[in-house]
Amino acid sequence: MARARKAETSSGKGDDTGVKAGAKGASKAVLLKYYRDMLLIRRFEERAGQLYGMGLIGGFCHLYIGQEAIAVGMDAIRKPGDQIITGYRDHGHMLAAGMDPNEVMAELTGRAGGSSKGKGGSMHMFSTQAGFYGGHGIVGAQVSLGTGLALADKYKKNGNVSFTYFGDGAANQGQVYESFNMAELWSLPVVYVVENNQYAMGTSIERSSSETRLHKRGISFNIPGEEVDGMDVEAVAEAGARAAEHARSGKGPYILEMKTYRYRGHSMSDPAKYRTKEEVDEVKKTRDPIDHLRERLAAVKVTEDELKVIDAEVKAIVAASAEFARTSPEPDPSELYTDVYLEAAQ
């Protein structure tokens, strides 16, 4: 179940998907950046899980471990001005977008040094400077918001694309299809990225969806789509580039179904007993996105010593972020009243 099939494509527009396959194979420098960014997400999330267990992170906490290739691969093809919006499994997207790890970790612990001043927590932090528009706790709600971002882009004629992420569980929400209809009707520049980790909150996709090939969900709206190996960062970037060009060129929305797998439970409170340990171990052994990239790096003559330098750098960044979160003060009570209303000019 966990292994991605060979990519499939679908289109309600015959053979005209508006895209062509991109160049195969990234340079050594690009691959090393992929590795650093993916490893940063992995180690950051591992530390976040530790802090949660220590009681330093309250509320919900959904870790991105196993899905790192999607956020990193898609961000690699994002242009300045493009927007990202996602659900509550969002820390990886924040880091891939370039948000400060210190501010992200401080936000997770509810501290004043957090990117949302400690008021957003795990699921609701923003950084418009990084082009990151949340983190949203209501399942599927971000799909309509991301479509709205694309509507604004078209209205402004700024050439930007909205990358709107949601999961296989959210794929069955009604507002998703209202958004699809509007996006295609008005040819909005939005790429819908379905992070299909195959279990939603805990129910396998085979038990919850009559059509499990989620990239085909746009056919009745004439929206083209394709399935992508979401455990291969290069495959993600290549598919992302094709989809972004389709949307940016005025041809409307595109759907990318990223076949992936989360190693941890749905949230930190989920023991994930609905799947076997053997299944998880098999994915880790055969499809881990970071291990897969290490194999590619070895093929382009990257040495273990080079990787150890990156590993040490990432370890130091994560340790510093945890210390920053621990020592950052709690928000002043007056922060309860800030950023609630926007005062319009008279």
C-alpha atoms as a PDB file:
ATOM      1  CA  MET A   1       0.000   0.000   0.000  1.00  0.00           C
ATOM      2  CA  ALA A   2       2.721   2.462   0.963  1.00  0.00           C
ATOM      3  CA  ARG A   3       4.825   2.211  -2.153  1.00  0.00           C
ATOM      4  CA  ALA A   4       4.057   4.739  -4.842  1.00  0.00           C
ATOM      5  CA  ARG A   5       2.921   3.406  -8.182  1.00  0.00           C
ATOM      6  CA  LYS A   6       4.382   4.614 -11.427  1.00  0.00           C
ATOM      7  CA  ALA A   7       3.043   8.105 -12.043  1.00  0.00           C
ATOM      8  CA  GLU A   8      -0.313   8.293 -13.763  1.00  0.00           C
ATOM      9  CA  THR A   9      -1.824  11.311 -15.449  1.00  0.00           C
ATOM     10  CA  SER A  10      -5.366  12.367 -16.019  1.00  0.00           C
ATOM     11  CA  SER A  11      -6.962  15.237 -17.843  1.00  0.00           C
ATOM     12  CA  GLY A  12     -10.449  16.322 -18.674  1.00  0.00           C
ATOM     13  CA  LYS A  13      -8.996  18.108 -21.704  1.00  0.00           C
ATOM     14  CA  GLY A  14      -7.987  15.151 -23.817  1.00  0.00           C
ATOM     15  CA  ASP A  15      -4.216  14.989 -24.314  1.00  0.00           C
ATOM     16  CA  ASP A  16      -3.667  18.710 -23.803  1.00  0.00           C
ATOM     17  CA  THR A  17      -2.346  18.957 -20.252  1.00  0.00           C
ATOM     18  CA  GLY A  18      -0.312  22.019 -21.144  1.00  0.00           C
ATOM     19  CA  VAL A  19       2.931  20.602 -19.745  1.00  0.00           C
ATOM     20  CA  LYS A  20       6.001  18.744 -20.897  1.00  0.00           C
ATOM     21  CA  ALA A  21       8.422  16.657 -18.867  1.00  0.00           C
ATOM     22  CA  GLY A  22      11.155  18.707 -17.297  1.00  0.00           C
ATOM     23  CA  ALA A  23      14.890  18.077 -17.393  1.00  0.00           C
ATOM     24  CA  LYS A  24      15.930  14.927 -15.542  1.00  0.00           C
ATOM     25  CA  GLY A  25      18.590  15.004 -12.843  1.00  0.00           C
ATOM     26  CA  ALA A  26      19.522  17.919 -10.571  1.00  0.00           C
ATOM     27  CA  SER A  27      23.059  19.222 -10.092  1.00  0.00           C
ATOM     28  CA  LYS A  28      25.217  18.231  -7.139  1.00  0.00           C
ATOM     29  CA  ALA A  29      24.690  21.637  -5.529  1.00  0.00           C
ATOM     30  CA  VAL A  30      20.913  21.380  -5.851  1.00  0.00           C
ATOM     31  CA  LEU A  31      20.895  17.840  -4.474  1.00  0.00           C
ATOM     32  CA  LEU A  32      22.957  18.946  -1.481  1.00  0.00           C
ATOM     33  CA  LYS A  33      20.494  21.755  -0.781  1.00  0.00           C
ATOM     34  CA  TYR A  34      17.623  19.282  -0.988  1.00  0.00           C
ATOM     35  CA  TYR A  35      19.453  17.078   1.492  1.00  0.00           C
ATOM     36  CA  ARG A  36      20.097  19.891   3.955  1.00  0.00           C
ATOM     37  CA  ASP A  37      16.533  21.172   3.803  1.00  0.00           C
ATOM     38  CA  MET A  38      14.993  17.709   4.185  1.00  0.00           C
ATOM     39  CA  LEU A  39      17.323  16.791   7.032  1.00  0.00           C
ATOM     40  CA  LEU A  40      16.502  20.060   8.798  1.00  0.00           C
ATOM     41  CA  ILE A  41      12.796  19.202   8.698  1.00  0.00           C
ATOM     42  CA  ARG A  42      13.438  15.640   9.928  1.00  0.00           C
ATOM     43  CA  ARG A  43      15.641  16.678  12.858  1.00  0.00           C
ATOM     44  CA  PHE A  44      13.426  19.644  13.739  1.00  0.00           C
ATOM     45  CA  GLU A  45      10.342  17.446  13.895  1.00  0.00           C
ATOM     46  CA  GLU A  46      12.146  14.849  15.974  1.00  0.00           C
ATOM     47  CA  ARG A  47      13.081  17.549  18.488  1.00  0.00           C
ATOM     48  CA  ALA A  48       9.524  18.930  18.435  1.00  0.00           C
ATOM     49  CA  GLY A  49       8.287  15.465  19.327  1.00  0.00           C
ATOM     50  CA  GLN A  50      10.704  15.388  22.260  1.00  0.00           C
ATOM     51  CA  LEU A  51       9.561  18.793  23.508  1.00  0.00           C
ATOM     52  CA  TYR A  52       5.953  17.673  23.251  1.00  0.00           C
ATOM     53  CA  GLY A  53       6.742  14.633  25.367  1.00  0.00           C
ATOM     54  CA  MET A  54       8.354  16.917  27.950  1.00  0.00           C
ATOM     55  CA  GLY A  55       5.193  19.006  28.154  1.00  0.00           C
ATOM     56  CA  LEU A  56       6.746  22.084  26.553  1.00  0.00           C
ATOM     57  CA  ILE A  57       4.388  22.012  23.552  1.00  0.00           C
ATOM     58  CA  GLY A  58       0.675  22.074  24.328  1.00  0.00           C
ATOM     59  CA  GLY A  59      -2.373  21.372  22.225  1.00  0.00           C
ATOM     60  CA  PHE A  60      -2.087  19.453  18.986  1.00  0.00           C
ATOM     61  CA  CYS A  61       1.174  18.648  17.222  1.00  0.00           C
ATOM     62  CA  HIS A  62       1.260  16.896  13.831  1.00  0.00           C
ATOM     63  CA  LEU A  63       4.720  15.858  12.676  1.00  0.00           C
ATOM     64  CA  TYR A  64       5.884  15.807   9.050  1.00  0.00           C
ATOM     65  CA  ILE A  65       8.402  12.979   9.412  1.00  0.00           C
ATOM     66  CA  GLY A  66       8.452  10.886   6.225  1.00  0.00           C
ATOM     67  CA  GLN A  67       6.921  13.538   3.971  1.00  0.00           C
ATOM     68  CA  GLU A  68       9.909  15.901   3.727  1.00  0.00           C
ATOM     69  CA  ALA A  69      10.488  15.467  -0.009  1.00  0.00           C
ATOM     70  CA  ILE A  70       7.162  17.103  -0.864  1.00  0.00           C
ATOM     71  CA  ALA A  71       7.658  20.425   0.917  1.00  0.00           C
ATOM     72  CA  VAL A  72      11.290  20.702  -0.190  1.00  0.00           C
ATOM     73  CA  GLY A  73      10.748  19.622  -3.796  1.00  0.00           C
ATOM     74  CA  MET A  74       7.789  21.930  -4.324  1.00  0.00           C
ATOM     75  CA  ASP A  75       9.463  24.911  -2.682  1.00  0.00           C
ATOM     76  CA  ALA A  76      12.460  24.433  -4.967  1.00  0.00           C
ATOM     77  CA  ILE A  77      10.360  25.488  -7.970  1.00  0.00           C
ATOM     78  CA  ARG A  78       8.434  28.273  -6.213  1.00  0.00           C
ATOM     79  CA  LYS A  79       9.068  31.813  -7.452  1.00  0.00           C
ATOM     80  CA  PRO A  80       9.078  35.028  -5.378  1.00  0.00           C
ATOM     81  CA  GLY A  81       5.484  36.100  -4.800  1.00  0.00           C
ATOM     82  CA  ASP A  82       4.025  32.577  -5.022  1.00  0.00           C
ATOM     83  CA  GLN A  83       1.997  31.547  -1.983  1.00  0.00           C
ATOM     84  CA  ILE A  84       1.865  28.394   0.135  1.00  0.00           C
ATOM     85  CA  ILE A  85      -1.137  27.396   2.208  1.00  0.00           C
ATOM     86  CA  THR A  86      -1.689  24.072   3.953  1.00  0.00           C
ATOM     87  CA  GLY A  87      -3.446  22.219   6.746  1.00  0.00           C
ATOM     88  CA  TYR A  88      -2.219  21.511  10.254  1.00  0.00           C
ATOM     89  CA  ARG A  89       0.742  19.211   9.376  1.00  0.00           C
ATOM     90  CA  ASP A  90       2.622  22.346   8.533  1.00  0.00           C
ATOM     91  CA  HIS A  91       6.030  22.640  10.244  1.00  0.00           C
ATOM     92  CA  GLY A  92       7.848  21.140   7.261  1.00  0.00           C
ATOM     93  CA  HIS A  93       6.272  23.643   4.897  1.00  0.00           C
ATOM     94  CA  MET A  94       7.297  26.528   7.141  1.00  0.00           C
ATOM     95  CA  LEU A  95      10.925  25.455   7.221  1.00  0.00           C
ATOM     96  CA  ALA A  96      11.026  24.715   3.485  1.00  0.00           C
ATOM     97  CA  ALA A  97       9.624  28.196   2.821  1.00  0.00           C
ATOM     98  CA  GLY A  98      12.537  29.706   4.724  1.00  0.00           C
ATOM     99  CA  MET A  99      10.953  30.619   8.051  1.00  0.00           C
ATOM    100  CA  ASP A 100      13.410  30.977  10.933  1.00  0.00           C
ATOM    101  CA  PRO A 101      13.633  27.652  12.870  1.00  0.00           C
ATOM    102  CA  ASN A 102      13.990  29.641  16.097  1.00  0.00           C
ATOM    103  CA  GLU A 103      10.705  31.433  15.503  1.00  0.00           C
ATOM    104  CA  VAL A 104       8.917  28.248  14.454  1.00  0.00           C
ATOM    105  CA  MET A 105      10.050  26.323  17.541  1.00  0.00           C
ATOM    106  CA  ALA A 106       9.231  29.251  19.813  1.00  0.00           C
ATOM    107  CA  GLU A 107       5.762  29.378  18.325  1.00  0.00           C
ATOM    108  CA  LEU A 108       5.284  25.681  18.984  1.00  0.00           C
ATOM    109  CA  THR A 109       6.034  26.321  22.658  1.00  0.00           C
ATOM    110  CA  GLY A 110       3.769  29.379  22.795  1.00  0.00           C
ATOM    111  CA  ARG A 111       6.531  31.923  23.360  1.00  0.00           C
ATOM    112  CA  ALA A 112       6.699  35.601  22.477  1.00  0.00           C
ATOM    113  CA  GLY A 113       9.612  34.963  20.138  1.00  0.00           C
ATOM    114  CA  GLY A 114       7.416  32.826  17.914  1.00  0.00           C
ATOM    115  CA  SER A 115       6.471  33.837  14.401  1.00  0.00           C
ATOM    116  CA  SER A 116       2.908  34.554  15.561  1.00  0.00           C
ATOM    117  CA  LYS A 117       3.981  35.864  18.975  1.00  0.00           C
ATOM    118  CA  GLY A 118       3.011  32.626  20.664  1.00  0.00           C
ATOM    119  CA  LYS A 119      -0.663  32.867  19.736  1.00  0.00           C
ATOM    120  CA  GLY A 120      -0.769  30.530  16.748  1.00  0.00           C
ATOM    121  CA  GLY A 121       0.874  27.410  18.055  1.00  0.00           C
ATOM    122  CA  SER A 122       1.522  24.365  15.910  1.00  0.00           C
ATOM    123  CA  MET A 123      -1.453  24.677  13.579  1.00  0.00           C
ATOM    124  CA  HIS A 124      -1.915  28.396  12.995  1.00  0.00           C
ATOM    125  CA  MET A 125       1.268  30.286  12.328  1.00  0.00           C
ATOM    126  CA  PHE A 126       1.815  32.553   9.361  1.00  0.00           C
ATOM    127  CA  SER A 127       4.623  34.379   7.614  1.00  0.00           C
ATOM    128  CA  THR A 128       3.535  36.528   4.720  1.00  0.00           C
ATOM    129  CA  GLN A 129       7.197  37.526   4.317  1.00  0.00           C
ATOM    130  CA  ALA A 130       7.979  33.892   3.481  1.00  0.00           C
ATOM    131  CA  GLY A 131       4.835  33.541   1.376  1.00  0.00           C
ATOM    132  CA  PHE A 132       3.377  31.128   3.931  1.00  0.00           C
ATOM    133  CA  TYR A 133      -0.329  31.712   4.599  1.00  0.00           C
ATOM    134  CA  GLY A 134      -0.914  29.015   7.256  1.00  0.00           C
ATOM    135  CA  GLY A 135      -1.386  26.356   8.916  1.00  0.00           C
ATOM    136  CA  HIS A 136      -5.171  25.791   9.181  1.00  0.00           C
ATOM    137  CA  GLY A 137      -6.896  23.556  11.704  1.00  0.00           C
ATOM    138  CA  ILE A 138     -10.226  23.000   9.935  1.00  0.00           C
ATOM    139  CA  VAL A 139      -9.946  20.038   7.587  1.00  0.00           C
ATOM    140  CA  GLY A 140     -10.076  21.201   3.975  1.00  0.00           C
ATOM    141  CA  ALA A 141     -10.784  24.851   4.768  1.00  0.00           C
ATOM    142  CA  GLN A 142      -7.423  25.966   3.390  1.00  0.00           C
ATOM    143  CA  VAL A 143      -8.388  24.722  -0.085  1.00  0.00           C
ATOM    144  CA  SER A 144     -10.985  27.454  -0.484  1.00  0.00           C
ATOM    145  CA  LEU A 145      -8.582  30.021   0.970  1.00  0.00           C
ATOM    146  CA  GLY A 146      -5.808  28.945  -1.383  1.00  0.00           C
ATOM    147  CA  THR A 147      -8.208  29.236  -4.303  1.00  0.00           C
ATOM    148  CA  GLY A 148      -8.976  32.735  -3.081  1.00  0.00           C
ATOM    149  CA  LEU A 149      -5.277  33.584  -3.105  1.00  0.00           C
ATOM    150  CA  ALA A 150      -5.181  32.455  -6.735  1.00  0.00           C
ATOM    151  CA  LEU A 151      -8.217  34.629  -7.504  1.00  0.00           C
ATOM    152  CA  ALA A 152      -6.356  37.620  -6.065  1.00  0.00           C
ATOM    153  CA  ASP A 153      -3.297  36.743  -8.170  1.00  0.00           C
ATOM    154  CA  LYS A 154      -5.374  36.661 -11.326  1.00  0.00           C
ATOM    155  CA  TYR A 155      -7.130  39.907 -10.435  1.00  0.00           C
ATOM    156  CA  LYS A 156      -3.783  41.619  -9.826  1.00  0.00           C
ATOM    157  CA  LYS A 157      -2.204  40.039 -12.938  1.00  0.00           C
ATOM    158  CA  ASN A 158       0.987  39.496 -10.948  1.00  0.00           C
ATOM    159  CA  GLY A 159       1.970  36.138 -12.464  1.00  0.00           C
ATOM    160  CA  ASN A 160       1.977  34.373  -9.092  1.00  0.00           C
ATOM    161  CA  VAL A 161       0.771  30.857  -8.314  1.00  0.00           C
ATOM    162  CA  SER A 162      -0.985  29.578  -5.194  1.00  0.00           C
ATOM    163  CA  PHE A 163       0.318  26.191  -4.012  1.00  0.00           C
ATOM    164  CA  THR A 164      -2.578  24.779  -2.024  1.00  0.00           C
ATOM    165  CA  TYR A 165      -1.894  21.623  -0.009  1.00  0.00           C
ATOM    166  CA  PHE A 166      -4.333  19.181   1.517  1.00  0.00           C
ATOM    167  CA  GLY A 167      -4.388  15.525   2.507  1.00  0.00           C
ATOM    168  CA  ASP A 168      -6.202  12.384   1.444  1.00  0.00           C
ATOM    169  CA  GLY A 169      -8.680  12.854   4.292  1.00  0.00           C
ATOM    170  CA  ALA A 170      -9.509  16.410   3.259  1.00  0.00           C
ATOM    171  CA  ALA A 171      -9.947  15.212  -0.334  1.00  0.00           C
ATOM    172  CA  ASN A 172     -13.447  14.056   0.578  1.00  0.00           C
ATOM    173  CA  GLN A 173     -14.569  17.450   1.888  1.00  0.00           C
ATOM    174  CA  GLY A 174     -17.226  19.279  -0.115  1.00  0.00           C
ATOM    175  CA  GLN A 175     -15.512  22.669  -0.176  1.00  0.00           C
ATOM    176  CA  VAL A 176     -12.643  21.083  -2.095  1.00  0.00           C
ATOM    177  CA  TYR A 177     -14.915  20.477  -5.082  1.00  0.00           C
ATOM    178  CA  GLU A 178     -16.550  23.875  -4.882  1.00  0.00           C
ATOM    179  CA  SER A 179     -13.029  25.277  -5.086  1.00  0.00           C
ATOM    180  CA  PHE A 180     -12.151  23.016  -8.035  1.00  0.00           C
ATOM    181  CA  ASN A 181     -15.192  24.229  -9.935  1.00  0.00           C
ATOM    182  CA  MET A 182     -14.431  27.901  -9.365  1.00  0.00           C
ATOM    183  CA  ALA A 183     -10.725  27.505 -10.113  1.00  0.00           C
ATOM    184  CA  GLU A 184     -11.324  25.842 -13.473  1.00  0.00           C
ATOM    185  CA  LEU A 185     -14.267  28.059 -14.405  1.00  0.00           C
ATOM    186  CA  TRP A 186     -12.148  31.159 -13.918  1.00  0.00           C
ATOM    187  CA  SER A 187      -8.787  29.618 -14.946  1.00  0.00           C
ATOM    188  CA  LEU A 188      -7.181  30.480 -11.622  1.00  0.00           C
ATOM    189  CA  PRO A 189      -3.413  29.989 -11.145  1.00  0.00           C
ATOM    190  CA  VAL A 190      -3.523  27.363  -8.409  1.00  0.00           C
ATOM    191  CA  VAL A 191      -1.700  24.047  -8.012  1.00  0.00           C
ATOM    192  CA  TYR A 192      -3.542  21.668  -5.703  1.00  0.00           C
ATOM    193  CA  VAL A 193      -1.032  19.394  -3.976  1.00  0.00           C
ATOM    194  CA  VAL A 194      -2.623  16.328  -2.369  1.00  0.00           C
ATOM    195  CA  GLU A 195      -0.291  14.850   0.252  1.00  0.00           C
ATOM    196  CA  ASN A 196      -1.668  11.325   0.186  1.00  0.00           C
ATOM    197  CA  ASN A 197      -0.083   9.629   3.196  1.00  0.00           C
ATOM    198  CA  GLN A 198      -2.763   6.946   2.842  1.00  0.00           C
ATOM    199  CA  TYR A 199      -4.326   7.022   6.306  1.00  0.00           C
ATOM    200  CA  ALA A 200      -5.941  10.434   6.901  1.00  0.00           C
ATOM    201  CA  MET A 201      -6.508  10.488  10.680  1.00  0.00           C
ATOM    202  CA  GLY A 202      -6.413   6.714  10.929  1.00  0.00           C
ATOM    203  CA  THR A 203      -8.625   5.185   8.253  1.00  0.00           C
ATOM    204  CA  SER A 204      -6.893   3.815   5.179  1.00  0.00           C
ATOM    205  CA  ILE A 205      -7.810   5.474   1.903  1.00  0.00           C
ATOM    206  CA  GLU A 206      -9.206   2.186   0.568  1.00  0.00           C
ATOM    207  CA  ARG A 207     -11.828   2.220   3.331  1.00  0.00           C
ATOM    208  CA  SER A 208     -12.784   5.888   3.008  1.00  0.00           C
ATOM    209  CA  SER A 209     -12.617   6.781  -0.694  1.00  0.00           C
ATOM    210  CA  SER A 210     -14.501   5.230  -3.606  1.00  0.00           C
ATOM    211  CA  GLU A 211     -11.863   6.642  -5.980  1.00  0.00           C
ATOM    212  CA  THR A 212      -8.433   6.219  -4.428  1.00  0.00           C
ATOM    213  CA  ARG A 213      -6.516   7.797  -7.321  1.00  0.00           C
ATOM    214  CA  LEU A 214      -6.927  11.316  -6.029  1.00  0.00           C
ATOM    215  CA  HIS A 215      -5.280  13.010  -9.000  1.00  0.00           C
ATOM    216  CA  LYS A 216      -8.343  11.944 -10.995  1.00  0.00           C
ATOM    217  CA  ARG A 217     -10.733  13.860  -8.768  1.00  0.00           C
ATOM    218  CA  GLY A 218     -10.529  16.868 -11.066  1.00  0.00           C
ATOM    219  CA  ILE A 219     -11.695  15.101 -14.239  1.00  0.00           C
ATOM    220  CA  SER A 220     -15.323  16.168 -13.940  1.00  0.00           C
ATOM    221  CA  PHE A 221     -14.120  19.771 -13.641  1.00  0.00           C
ATOM    222  CA  ASN A 222     -11.708  19.448 -16.607  1.00  0.00           C
ATOM    223  CA  ILE A 223      -8.713  19.850 -14.290  1.00  0.00           C
ATOM    224  CA  PRO A 224      -5.643  17.812 -15.323  1.00  0.00           C
ATOM    225  CA  GLY A 225      -3.685  15.914 -12.710  1.00  0.00           C
ATOM    226  CA  GLU A 226      -0.954  13.392 -12.144  1.00  0.00           C
ATOM    227  CA  GLU A 227       0.341  11.002  -9.517  1.00  0.00           C
ATOM    228  CA  VAL A 228       3.874  11.630  -8.235  1.00  0.00           C
ATOM    229  CA  ASP A 229       6.280   9.620  -6.096  1.00  0.00           C
ATOM    230  CA  GLY A 230       6.226  11.903  -3.079  1.00  0.00           C
ATOM    231  CA  MET A 231       9.206  10.086  -1.540  1.00  0.00           C
ATOM    232  CA  ASP A 232      11.509  11.237  -4.373  1.00  0.00           C
ATOM    233  CA  VAL A 233      12.398  14.931  -4.077  1.00  0.00           C
ATOM    234  CA  GLU A 234      13.558  15.156  -7.699  1.00  0.00           C
ATOM    235  CA  ALA A 235      10.314  13.662  -8.979  1.00  0.00           C
ATOM    236  CA  VAL A 236       8.397  16.150  -6.835  1.00  0.00           C
ATOM    237  CA  ALA A 237      10.348  19.122  -8.180  1.00  0.00           C
ATOM    238  CA  GLU A 238       9.962  18.000 -11.799  1.00  0.00           C
ATOM    239  CA  ALA A 239       6.208  17.499 -11.466  1.00  0.00           C
ATOM    240  CA  GLY A 240       5.884  20.738  -9.530  1.00  0.00           C
ATOM    241  CA  ALA A 241       7.622  22.673 -12.282  1.00  0.00           C
ATOM    242  CA  ARG A 242       5.254  21.278 -14.897  1.00  0.00           C
ATOM    243  CA  ALA A 243       2.175  22.037 -12.829  1.00  0.00           C
ATOM    244  CA  ALA A 244       3.336  25.551 -11.930  1.00  0.00           C
ATOM    245  CA  GLU A 245       4.018  26.385 -15.579  1.00  0.00           C
ATOM    246  CA  HIS A 246       0.540  25.155 -16.504  1.00  0.00           C
ATOM    247  CA  ALA A 247      -1.068  27.411 -13.878  1.00  0.00           C
ATOM    248  CA  ARG A 248       1.230  30.388 -14.449  1.00  0.00           C
ATOM    249  CA  SER A 249       0.644  30.383 -18.198  1.00  0.00           C
ATOM    250  CA  GLY A 250      -3.080  31.000 -17.777  1.00  0.00           C
ATOM    251  CA  LYS A 251      -4.307  27.435 -18.320  1.00  0.00           C
ATOM    252  CA  GLY A 252      -5.896  27.176 -14.898  1.00  0.00           C
ATOM    253  CA  PRO A 253      -5.524  24.744 -11.994  1.00  0.00           C
ATOM    254  CA  TYR A 254      -3.558  21.515 -11.839  1.00  0.00           C
ATOM    255  CA  ILE A 255      -3.690  18.622  -9.359  1.00  0.00           C
ATOM    256  CA  LEU A 256      -0.611  16.794  -8.079  1.00  0.00           C
ATOM    257  CA  GLU A 257      -1.219  13.711  -5.972  1.00  0.00           C
ATOM    258  CA  MET A 258       1.910  13.065  -3.928  1.00  0.00           C
ATOM    259  CA  LYS A 259       2.069   9.422  -2.813  1.00  0.00           C
ATOM    260  CA  THR A 260       3.812   9.566   0.543  1.00  0.00           C
ATOM    261  CA  TYR A 261       3.795   8.084   4.038  1.00  0.00           C
ATOM    262  CA  ARG A 262       3.971   9.466   7.560  1.00  0.00           C
ATOM    263  CA  TYR A 263       6.046   7.537  10.057  1.00  0.00           C
ATOM    264  CA  ARG A 264       4.397   8.832  13.213  1.00  0.00           C
ATOM    265  CA  GLY A 265       0.754   8.813  14.231  1.00  0.00           C
ATOM    266  CA  HIS A 266      -1.718  11.361  12.932  1.00  0.00           C
ATOM    267  CA  SER A 267      -0.806  13.571  15.876  1.00  0.00           C
ATOM    268  CA  MET A 268       1.358  13.108  18.948  1.00  0.00           C
ATOM    269  CA  SER A 269      -1.617  11.605  20.802  1.00  0.00           C
ATOM    270  CA  ASP A 270      -2.158   8.891  18.169  1.00  0.00           C
ATOM    271  CA  PRO A 271      -0.486   5.504  18.819  1.00  0.00           C
ATOM    272  CA  ALA A 272      -1.203   4.511  15.170  1.00  0.00           C
ATOM    273  CA  LYS A 273      -2.344   0.975  16.001  1.00  0.00           C
ATOM    274  CA  TYR A 274      -4.340   0.815  12.761  1.00  0.00           C
ATOM    275  CA  ARG A 275      -1.209  -0.246  10.842  1.00  0.00           C
ATOM    276  CA  THR A 276       1.504  -2.772  11.565  1.00  0.00           C
ATOM    277  CA  LYS A 277       5.041  -2.039  12.680  1.00  0.00           C
ATOM    278  CA  GLU A 278       6.222  -4.212   9.790  1.00  0.00           C
ATOM    279  CA  GLU A 279       4.483  -1.936   7.286  1.00  0.00           C
ATOM    280  CA  VAL A 280       6.110   1.189   8.700  1.00  0.00           C
ATOM    281  CA  ASP A 281       9.526  -0.457   8.891  1.00  0.00           C
ATOM    282  CA  GLU A 282       9.256  -1.601   5.273  1.00  0.00           C
ATOM    283  CA  VAL A 283       8.643   1.951   4.099  1.00  0.00           C
ATOM    284  CA  LYS A 284      11.538   3.270   6.182  1.00  0.00           C
ATOM    285  CA  LYS A 285      13.809   0.587   4.767  1.00  0.00           C
ATOM    286  CA  THR A 286      12.855   0.837   1.102  1.00  0.00           C
ATOM    287  CA  ARG A 287      11.332   4.279   0.460  1.00  0.00           C
ATOM    288  CA  ASP A 288      12.700   6.767   3.006  1.00  0.00           C
ATOM    289  CA  PRO A 289      13.081  10.072   1.122  1.00  0.00           C
ATOM    290  CA  ILE A 290      16.310  11.078   2.835  1.00  0.00           C
ATOM    291  CA  ASP A 291      17.953   7.690   2.382  1.00  0.00           C
ATOM    292  CA  HIS A 292      16.866   7.718  -1.267  1.00  0.00           C
ATOM    293  CA  LEU A 293      18.523  11.106  -1.713  1.00  0.00           C
ATOM    294  CA  ARG A 294      21.702   9.893  -0.031  1.00  0.00           C
ATOM    295  CA  GLU A 295      21.913   7.200  -2.707  1.00  0.00           C
ATOM    296  CA  ARG A 296      21.607   9.872  -5.407  1.00  0.00           C
ATOM    297  CA  LEU A 297      24.298  11.939  -3.692  1.00  0.00           C
ATOM    298  CA  ALA A 298      26.656   8.967  -3.622  1.00  0.00           C
ATOM    299  CA  ALA A 299      26.090   8.574  -7.350  1.00  0.00           C
ATOM    300  CA  VAL A 300      27.316  12.138  -7.966  1.00  0.00           C
ATOM    301  CA  LYS A 301      30.410  11.550  -5.793  1.00  0.00           C
ATOM    302  CA  VAL A 302      29.306  13.290  -2.600  1.00  0.00           C
ATOM    303  CA  THR A 303      31.394  11.904   0.257  1.00  0.00           C
ATOM    304  CA  GLU A 304      30.312  10.892   3.747  1.00  0.00           C
ATOM    305  CA  ASP A 305      32.519  13.666   5.117  1.00  0.00           C
ATOM    306  CA  GLU A 306      30.529  16.250   3.141  1.00  0.00           C
ATOM    307  CA  LEU A 307      27.288  14.862   4.504  1.00  0.00           C
ATOM    308  CA  LYS A 308      28.661  14.863   8.057  1.00  0.00           C
ATOM    309  CA  VAL A 309      29.309  18.596   7.775  1.00  0.00           C
ATOM    310  CA  ILE A 310      25.674  19.173   6.802  1.00  0.00           C
ATOM    311  CA  ASP A 311      24.477  16.835   9.544  1.00  0.00           C
ATOM    312  CA  ALA A 312      26.450  18.785  12.162  1.00  0.00           C
ATOM    313  CA  GLU A 313      25.156  22.109  10.845  1.00  0.00           C
ATOM    314  CA  VAL A 314      21.546  20.925  10.995  1.00  0.00           C
ATOM    315  CA  LYS A 315      22.017  19.470  14.477  1.00  0.00           C
ATOM    316  CA  ALA A 316      23.343  22.823  15.703  1.00  0.00           C
ATOM    317  CA  ILE A 317      20.451  24.755  14.141  1.00  0.00           C
ATOM    318  CA  VAL A 318      17.869  22.505  15.770  1.00  0.00           C
ATOM    319  CA  ALA A 319      19.601  22.613  19.163  1.00  0.00           C
ATOM    320  CA  ALA A 320      19.702  26.411  18.962  1.00  0.00           C
ATOM    321  CA  SER A 321      16.008  26.562  18.065  1.00  0.00           C
ATOM    322  CA  ALA A 322      15.077  24.444  21.081  1.00  0.00           C
ATOM    323  CA  GLU A 323      17.181  26.631  23.367  1.00  0.00           C
ATOM    324  CA  PHE A 324      15.677  29.793  21.881  1.00  0.00           C
ATOM    325  CA  ALA A 325      12.185  28.403  22.483  1.00  0.00           C
ATOM    326  CA  ARG A 326      13.052  27.423  26.041  1.00  0.00           C
ATOM    327  CA  THR A 327      14.469  30.835  26.963  1.00  0.00           C
ATOM    328  CA  SER A 328      12.050  33.058  25.043  1.00  0.00           C
ATOM    329  CA  PRO A 329       9.538  34.756  27.381  1.00  0.00           C
ATOM    330  CA  GLU A 330       5.867  33.997  27.371  1.00  0.00           C
ATOM    331  CA  PRO A 331       3.643  36.563  25.622  1.00  0.00           C
ATOM    332  CA  ASP A 332       2.475  39.545  27.619  1.00  0.00           C
ATOM    333  CA  PRO A 333      -1.238  39.286  28.456  1.00  0.00           C
ATOM    334  CA  SER A 334      -1.833  42.411  26.379  1.00  0.00           C
ATOM    335  CA  GLU A 335      -1.101  40.333  23.276  1.00  0.00           C
ATOM    336  CA  LEU A 336      -4.598  38.888  23.636  1.00  0.00           C
ATOM    337  CA  TYR A 337      -5.921  42.123  22.163  1.00  0.00           C
ATOM    338  CA  THR A 338      -3.440  42.633  19.311  1.00  0.00           C
ATOM    339  CA  ASP A 339      -4.000  41.540  15.697  1.00  0.00           C
ATOM    340  CA  VAL A 340      -7.700  40.999  16.349  1.00  0.00           C
ATOM    341  CA  TYR A 341      -9.079  43.834  14.233  1.00  0.00           C
ATOM    342  CA  LEU A 342      -7.578  45.828  11.400  1.00  0.00           C
ATOM    343  CA  GLU A 343      -8.173  49.557  11.767  1.00  0.00           C
ATOM    344  CA  ALA A 344      -9.035  50.924   8.363  1.00  0.00           C
ATOM    345  CA  ALA A 345      -7.957  54.412   7.386  1.00  0.00           C
ATOM    346  CA  GLN A 346     -10.741  56.997   7.374  1.00  0.00           C
END
